[in-house]
């Protein structure tokens, strides 16, 4: 069964760094390579928002709130997606979700758009002041 599994979340003080990982299992290499991959986050009582996305050609997009601080990357051979988060702020506190978007995908404003999306279960990031 295909699934996305996030890891790397935790608690850190403001100004610190974390690296999130998302391991895709159950996908073939070609299937994984066809997805637009990305990270979303959802803070309590807020809507889920796109943080960063990476297209099939390696192009990237970031939400304005994380530009210059977060970097998305992936290892296609290992089918792992990463999010390097530096200079973390308390407002970055949220549950972070990995997502694979498929069919007619494009990047805009920190997220992948497409016809469908698979989600991971999320990993919590807490930044204290």
N, C-alpha and C. Protein backbone atom coordinates (compact mmCIF):
# COMPACT_ATOMS: atom_id res chain seq x y z
N UNK A 1 0.84 -1.18 0.00
CA UNK A 1 0.00 0.00 0.00
C UNK A 1 0.88 1.23 0.00
N UNK A 2 0.60 2.15 -0.92
CA UNK A 2 1.41 3.36 -1.03
C UNK A 2 1.15 4.28 0.14
N UNK A 3 2.21 4.84 0.68
CA UNK A 3 2.04 5.77 1.78
C UNK A 3 3.20 6.74 1.86
N UNK A 4 2.94 7.85 2.54
CA UNK A 4 3.93 8.88 2.80
C UNK A 4 4.12 8.97 4.31
N UNK A 5 5.35 8.92 4.76
CA UNK A 5 5.62 8.92 6.20
C UNK A 5 6.60 10.03 6.53
N UNK A 6 6.14 11.00 7.32
CA UNK A 6 6.98 12.13 7.71
C UNK A 6 7.76 11.82 8.98
N UNK A 7 8.87 12.47 9.13
CA UNK A 7 9.67 12.38 10.35
C UNK A 7 10.50 13.65 10.47
N UNK A 8 11.09 13.83 11.66
CA UNK A 8 12.00 14.95 11.85
C UNK A 8 11.42 16.11 12.63
N UNK A 9 10.15 16.06 12.94
CA UNK A 9 9.56 17.13 13.72
C UNK A 9 10.07 17.11 15.15
N UNK A 10 9.73 18.14 15.89
CA UNK A 10 10.15 18.21 17.28
C UNK A 10 9.98 19.60 17.82
N UNK A 11 10.59 19.83 18.98
CA UNK A 11 10.53 21.13 19.64
C UNK A 11 11.88 21.81 19.55
N UNK A 12 11.86 23.09 19.24
CA UNK A 12 13.10 23.83 19.08
C UNK A 12 12.85 25.28 19.50
N UNK A 13 13.90 25.95 19.91
CA UNK A 13 13.78 27.36 20.26
C UNK A 13 13.84 28.22 19.01
N UNK A 14 13.27 29.39 19.12
CA UNK A 14 13.30 30.33 18.00
C UNK A 14 14.73 30.56 17.54
N UNK A 15 14.90 30.58 16.24
CA UNK A 15 16.22 30.72 15.65
C UNK A 15 16.88 29.40 15.32
N UNK A 16 16.30 28.32 15.81
CA UNK A 16 16.86 26.99 15.57
C UNK A 16 16.48 26.42 14.22
N UNK A 17 16.90 25.20 14.00
CA UNK A 17 16.67 24.53 12.71
C UNK A 17 16.14 23.12 12.93
N UNK A 18 15.39 22.66 11.94
CA UNK A 18 14.93 21.28 11.88
C UNK A 18 14.93 20.85 10.42
N UNK A 19 15.08 19.57 10.19
CA UNK A 19 14.93 19.03 8.84
C UNK A 19 13.87 17.94 8.86
N UNK A 20 12.83 18.16 8.11
CA UNK A 20 11.77 17.19 7.98
C UNK A 20 12.07 16.26 6.80
N UNK A 21 11.67 15.02 6.93
CA UNK A 21 11.79 14.05 5.85
C UNK A 21 10.44 13.41 5.59
N UNK A 22 10.24 13.02 4.37
CA UNK A 22 9.02 12.31 3.99
C UNK A 22 9.42 11.15 3.10
N UNK A 23 9.24 9.95 3.59
CA UNK A 23 9.61 8.75 2.84
C UNK A 23 8.38 8.18 2.16
N UNK A 24 8.49 7.97 0.86
CA UNK A 24 7.40 7.39 0.08
C UNK A 24 7.64 5.91 -0.09
N UNK A 25 6.68 5.12 0.28
CA UNK A 25 6.80 3.68 0.10
C UNK A 25 5.61 3.16 -0.69
N UNK A 26 5.84 2.07 -1.41
CA UNK A 26 4.76 1.50 -2.18
C UNK A 26 4.56 2.15 -3.53
N UNK A 27 5.40 3.15 -3.85
CA UNK A 27 5.33 3.80 -5.16
C UNK A 27 6.46 3.28 -6.02
N UNK A 28 6.20 3.10 -7.29
CA UNK A 28 7.30 2.79 -8.18
C UNK A 28 8.12 4.05 -8.42
N UNK A 29 9.32 3.88 -8.90
CA UNK A 29 10.19 5.02 -9.17
C UNK A 29 9.51 5.97 -10.16
N UNK A 30 8.92 5.43 -11.22
CA UNK A 30 8.31 6.29 -12.24
C UNK A 30 7.07 6.98 -11.71
N UNK A 31 6.31 6.30 -10.88
CA UNK A 31 5.11 6.91 -10.31
C UNK A 31 5.49 8.05 -9.39
N UNK A 32 6.45 7.82 -8.51
CA UNK A 32 6.89 8.89 -7.61
C UNK A 32 7.39 10.07 -8.41
N UNK A 33 8.14 9.81 -9.45
CA UNK A 33 8.69 10.89 -10.26
C UNK A 33 7.64 11.70 -11.00
N UNK A 34 6.43 11.18 -11.10
CA UNK A 34 5.37 11.90 -11.80
C UNK A 34 4.62 12.86 -10.90
N UNK A 35 4.86 12.80 -9.61
CA UNK A 35 4.15 13.66 -8.66
C UNK A 35 4.84 15.00 -8.48
N UNK A 36 4.04 15.98 -8.16
CA UNK A 36 4.55 17.24 -7.63
C UNK A 36 4.51 17.07 -6.11
N UNK A 37 5.63 17.19 -5.46
CA UNK A 37 5.72 16.93 -4.04
C UNK A 37 5.78 18.23 -3.25
N UNK A 38 5.23 18.20 -2.05
CA UNK A 38 5.24 19.44 -1.30
C UNK A 38 4.98 19.25 0.18
N UNK A 39 5.13 20.34 0.89
CA UNK A 39 4.87 20.39 2.32
C UNK A 39 3.76 21.41 2.59
N UNK A 40 2.85 21.01 3.46
CA UNK A 40 1.80 21.88 3.96
C UNK A 40 1.91 21.92 5.48
N UNK A 41 1.26 22.88 6.08
CA UNK A 41 1.21 22.93 7.53
C UNK A 41 -0.13 23.44 7.99
N UNK A 42 -0.47 23.04 9.20
CA UNK A 42 -1.74 23.49 9.78
C UNK A 42 -1.54 23.74 11.26
N UNK A 43 -1.75 24.99 11.64
CA UNK A 43 -1.70 25.38 13.05
C UNK A 43 -3.09 25.24 13.64
N UNK A 44 -3.20 25.13 14.97
CA UNK A 44 -4.51 25.00 15.60
C UNK A 44 -5.45 26.13 15.20
N UNK A 45 -6.66 25.75 14.82
CA UNK A 45 -7.72 26.69 14.46
C UNK A 45 -7.39 27.50 13.22
N UNK A 46 -6.47 27.03 12.41
CA UNK A 46 -6.14 27.70 11.15
C UNK A 46 -6.29 26.70 10.01
N UNK A 47 -6.46 27.24 8.82
CA UNK A 47 -6.56 26.39 7.65
C UNK A 47 -5.18 25.83 7.26
N UNK A 48 -5.21 24.68 6.60
CA UNK A 48 -3.96 24.12 6.11
C UNK A 48 -3.44 25.01 4.98
N UNK A 49 -2.14 25.26 5.01
CA UNK A 49 -1.55 26.14 4.00
C UNK A 49 -0.33 25.50 3.37
N UNK A 50 -0.10 25.84 2.13
CA UNK A 50 1.08 25.35 1.45
C UNK A 50 2.33 26.06 1.95
N UNK A 51 3.38 25.32 2.16
CA UNK A 51 4.66 25.86 2.63
C UNK A 51 5.68 25.89 1.49
N UNK A 52 5.83 24.75 0.82
CA UNK A 52 6.81 24.65 -0.26
C UNK A 52 6.43 23.49 -1.17
N UNK A 53 6.77 23.63 -2.43
CA UNK A 53 6.50 22.57 -3.39
C UNK A 53 7.67 22.42 -4.35
N UNK A 54 7.83 21.23 -4.88
CA UNK A 54 8.88 20.96 -5.85
C UNK A 54 8.28 20.18 -7.00
N UNK A 55 8.48 20.69 -8.20
CA UNK A 55 7.89 20.08 -9.37
C UNK A 55 8.72 18.94 -9.92
N UNK A 56 8.16 18.28 -10.94
CA UNK A 56 8.85 17.15 -11.55
C UNK A 56 10.15 17.56 -12.21
N UNK A 57 10.25 18.83 -12.60
CA UNK A 57 11.48 19.32 -13.23
C UNK A 57 12.44 19.93 -12.22
N UNK A 58 12.11 19.84 -10.95
CA UNK A 58 12.98 20.38 -9.91
C UNK A 58 12.72 21.83 -9.55
N UNK A 59 11.79 22.46 -10.24
CA UNK A 59 11.46 23.84 -9.90
C UNK A 59 10.76 23.86 -8.54
N UNK A 60 10.89 24.99 -7.85
CA UNK A 60 10.36 25.08 -6.49
C UNK A 60 9.51 26.33 -6.30
N UNK A 61 8.69 26.29 -5.29
CA UNK A 61 7.90 27.44 -4.89
C UNK A 61 7.81 27.45 -3.37
N UNK A 62 7.76 28.65 -2.80
CA UNK A 62 7.69 28.81 -1.36
C UNK A 62 6.62 29.82 -0.99
N UNK A 63 6.01 29.60 0.16
CA UNK A 63 5.13 30.61 0.72
C UNK A 63 5.98 31.81 1.12
N UNK A 64 5.42 33.00 1.00
CA UNK A 64 6.18 34.21 1.33
C UNK A 64 6.72 34.18 2.75
N UNK A 65 5.97 33.56 3.64
CA UNK A 65 6.35 33.56 5.06
C UNK A 65 7.60 32.73 5.36
N UNK A 66 7.99 31.86 4.42
CA UNK A 66 9.15 30.99 4.69
C UNK A 66 10.30 31.21 3.70
N UNK A 67 10.10 32.08 2.73
CA UNK A 67 11.15 32.33 1.74
C UNK A 67 12.43 32.78 2.42
N UNK A 68 13.55 32.20 1.98
CA UNK A 68 14.84 32.55 2.55
C UNK A 68 15.18 31.79 3.81
N UNK A 69 14.21 31.07 4.37
CA UNK A 69 14.45 30.31 5.60
C UNK A 69 14.29 28.81 5.39
N UNK A 70 13.36 28.41 4.54
CA UNK A 70 13.09 26.99 4.30
C UNK A 70 13.61 26.61 2.91
N UNK A 71 14.04 25.36 2.79
CA UNK A 71 14.48 24.83 1.51
C UNK A 71 13.90 23.44 1.31
N UNK A 72 13.22 23.26 0.19
CA UNK A 72 12.66 21.95 -0.14
C UNK A 72 13.60 21.26 -1.12
N UNK A 73 13.74 19.96 -0.95
CA UNK A 73 14.57 19.17 -1.86
C UNK A 73 14.08 17.73 -1.83
N UNK A 74 14.58 16.95 -2.76
CA UNK A 74 14.20 15.54 -2.75
C UNK A 74 15.27 14.67 -3.36
N UNK A 75 15.28 13.44 -2.91
CA UNK A 75 16.15 12.42 -3.46
C UNK A 75 15.24 11.44 -4.20
N UNK A 76 15.17 11.61 -5.51
CA UNK A 76 14.24 10.79 -6.29
C UNK A 76 14.60 9.31 -6.24
N UNK A 77 15.89 9.01 -6.20
CA UNK A 77 16.31 7.61 -6.17
C UNK A 77 15.81 6.92 -4.91
N UNK A 78 15.85 7.66 -3.80
CA UNK A 78 15.41 7.10 -2.52
C UNK A 78 13.94 7.39 -2.24
N UNK A 79 13.33 8.23 -3.07
CA UNK A 79 11.94 8.62 -2.89
C UNK A 79 11.73 9.26 -1.52
N UNK A 80 12.58 10.22 -1.21
CA UNK A 80 12.48 10.95 0.05
C UNK A 80 12.41 12.44 -0.26
N UNK A 81 11.49 13.10 0.37
CA UNK A 81 11.32 14.54 0.27
C UNK A 81 11.82 15.17 1.56
N UNK A 82 12.49 16.33 1.44
CA UNK A 82 13.03 17.00 2.61
C UNK A 82 12.50 18.43 2.71
N UNK A 83 12.51 18.93 3.93
CA UNK A 83 12.26 20.35 4.16
C UNK A 83 13.25 20.81 5.22
N UNK A 84 14.24 21.57 4.80
CA UNK A 84 15.19 22.15 5.74
C UNK A 84 14.62 23.47 6.23
N UNK A 85 14.46 23.59 7.53
CA UNK A 85 13.85 24.77 8.12
C UNK A 85 14.87 25.45 9.02
N UNK A 86 15.27 26.65 8.66
CA UNK A 86 16.22 27.43 9.44
C UNK A 86 15.56 28.68 9.97
N UNK A 87 16.20 29.30 10.95
CA UNK A 87 15.70 30.54 11.54
C UNK A 87 14.22 30.41 11.91
N UNK A 88 13.90 29.35 12.59
CA UNK A 88 12.50 29.07 12.92
C UNK A 88 11.94 30.11 13.85
N UNK A 89 10.66 30.38 13.66
CA UNK A 89 9.93 31.37 14.46
C UNK A 89 8.76 30.68 15.16
N UNK A 90 8.29 31.27 16.25
CA UNK A 90 7.12 30.66 16.93
C UNK A 90 5.93 30.49 16.00
N UNK A 91 5.77 31.39 15.04
CA UNK A 91 4.64 31.28 14.12
C UNK A 91 4.79 30.13 13.13
N UNK A 92 5.92 29.45 13.13
CA UNK A 92 6.09 28.26 12.30
C UNK A 92 5.54 27.01 13.00
N UNK A 93 5.12 27.16 14.24
CA UNK A 93 4.56 26.04 14.98
C UNK A 93 3.30 25.52 14.30
N UNK A 94 3.30 24.23 13.97
CA UNK A 94 2.18 23.63 13.26
C UNK A 94 2.44 22.15 13.07
N UNK A 95 1.41 21.45 12.61
CA UNK A 95 1.59 20.10 12.11
C UNK A 95 1.98 20.22 10.64
N UNK A 96 3.05 19.56 10.28
CA UNK A 96 3.54 19.63 8.90
C UNK A 96 3.21 18.33 8.18
N UNK A 97 2.64 18.48 7.00
CA UNK A 97 2.21 17.34 6.21
C UNK A 97 2.95 17.29 4.88
N UNK A 98 3.35 16.10 4.51
CA UNK A 98 3.90 15.84 3.20
C UNK A 98 2.74 15.48 2.26
N UNK A 99 2.85 15.91 1.01
CA UNK A 99 1.77 15.63 0.06
C UNK A 99 2.33 15.34 -1.32
N UNK A 100 1.70 14.40 -1.99
CA UNK A 100 2.02 14.07 -3.38
C UNK A 100 0.83 14.46 -4.23
N UNK A 101 1.03 15.40 -5.13
CA UNK A 101 -0.05 15.90 -5.98
C UNK A 101 0.11 15.34 -7.38
N UNK A 102 -1.02 14.93 -7.97
CA UNK A 102 -0.93 14.30 -9.28
C UNK A 102 -1.93 14.89 -10.26
N UNK A 103 -1.62 14.67 -11.54
CA UNK A 103 -2.48 15.03 -12.66
C UNK A 103 -2.60 16.54 -12.89
N UNK A 104 -1.98 16.99 -13.97
CA UNK A 104 -2.10 18.39 -14.34
C UNK A 104 -1.50 19.33 -13.33
N UNK A 105 -0.34 18.95 -12.80
CA UNK A 105 0.21 19.73 -11.69
C UNK A 105 0.93 20.99 -12.14
N UNK A 106 0.89 21.98 -11.25
CA UNK A 106 1.69 23.19 -11.42
C UNK A 106 1.97 23.77 -10.04
N UNK A 107 2.98 24.63 -9.99
CA UNK A 107 3.42 25.23 -8.73
C UNK A 107 2.98 26.68 -8.66
N UNK A 108 2.56 27.08 -7.46
CA UNK A 108 2.19 28.48 -7.27
C UNK A 108 2.08 28.76 -5.79
N UNK A 109 2.67 29.88 -5.36
CA UNK A 109 2.48 30.36 -3.99
C UNK A 109 2.71 29.29 -2.92
N UNK A 110 3.79 28.55 -3.07
CA UNK A 110 4.18 27.63 -2.02
C UNK A 110 3.50 26.29 -2.03
N UNK A 111 2.83 25.94 -3.11
CA UNK A 111 2.16 24.65 -3.14
C UNK A 111 2.05 24.10 -4.55
N UNK A 112 1.78 22.79 -4.61
CA UNK A 112 1.48 22.12 -5.86
C UNK A 112 -0.03 22.12 -6.04
N UNK A 113 -0.47 22.37 -7.26
CA UNK A 113 -1.88 22.25 -7.60
C UNK A 113 -2.03 21.10 -8.58
N UNK A 114 -3.16 20.41 -8.49
CA UNK A 114 -3.41 19.29 -9.39
C UNK A 114 -4.78 18.71 -9.13
N UNK A 115 -5.04 17.59 -9.77
CA UNK A 115 -6.37 16.99 -9.66
C UNK A 115 -6.56 16.19 -8.39
N UNK A 116 -5.47 15.66 -7.84
CA UNK A 116 -5.62 14.84 -6.64
C UNK A 116 -4.39 14.93 -5.77
N UNK A 117 -4.51 14.54 -4.53
CA UNK A 117 -3.40 14.66 -3.59
C UNK A 117 -3.45 13.54 -2.56
N UNK A 118 -2.28 12.97 -2.32
CA UNK A 118 -2.13 12.01 -1.23
C UNK A 118 -1.42 12.70 -0.08
N UNK A 119 -1.81 12.33 1.14
CA UNK A 119 -1.25 12.98 2.33
C UNK A 119 -0.52 12.00 3.21
N UNK A 120 0.50 12.51 3.91
CA UNK A 120 1.10 11.76 5.00
C UNK A 120 0.31 12.03 6.27
N UNK A 121 0.78 11.44 7.38
CA UNK A 121 0.03 11.57 8.63
C UNK A 121 0.42 12.82 9.41
N UNK A 122 1.53 13.45 9.03
CA UNK A 122 1.95 14.68 9.69
C UNK A 122 3.01 14.48 10.75
N UNK A 123 3.79 15.54 10.97
CA UNK A 123 4.77 15.57 12.04
C UNK A 123 4.72 16.95 12.69
N UNK A 124 4.74 16.98 14.01
CA UNK A 124 4.54 18.23 14.74
C UNK A 124 5.86 19.00 14.87
N UNK A 125 5.77 20.28 14.60
CA UNK A 125 6.89 21.20 14.82
C UNK A 125 6.43 22.26 15.81
N UNK A 126 7.19 22.42 16.88
CA UNK A 126 6.87 23.41 17.90
C UNK A 126 8.08 24.30 18.12
N UNK A 127 7.89 25.59 17.95
CA UNK A 127 8.97 26.56 18.11
C UNK A 127 8.63 27.47 19.28
N UNK A 128 9.50 27.49 20.26
CA UNK A 128 9.26 28.31 21.45
C UNK A 128 10.09 29.59 21.38
N UNK A 129 9.55 30.62 22.00
CA UNK A 129 10.24 31.92 21.96
C UNK A 129 11.24 32.06 23.09
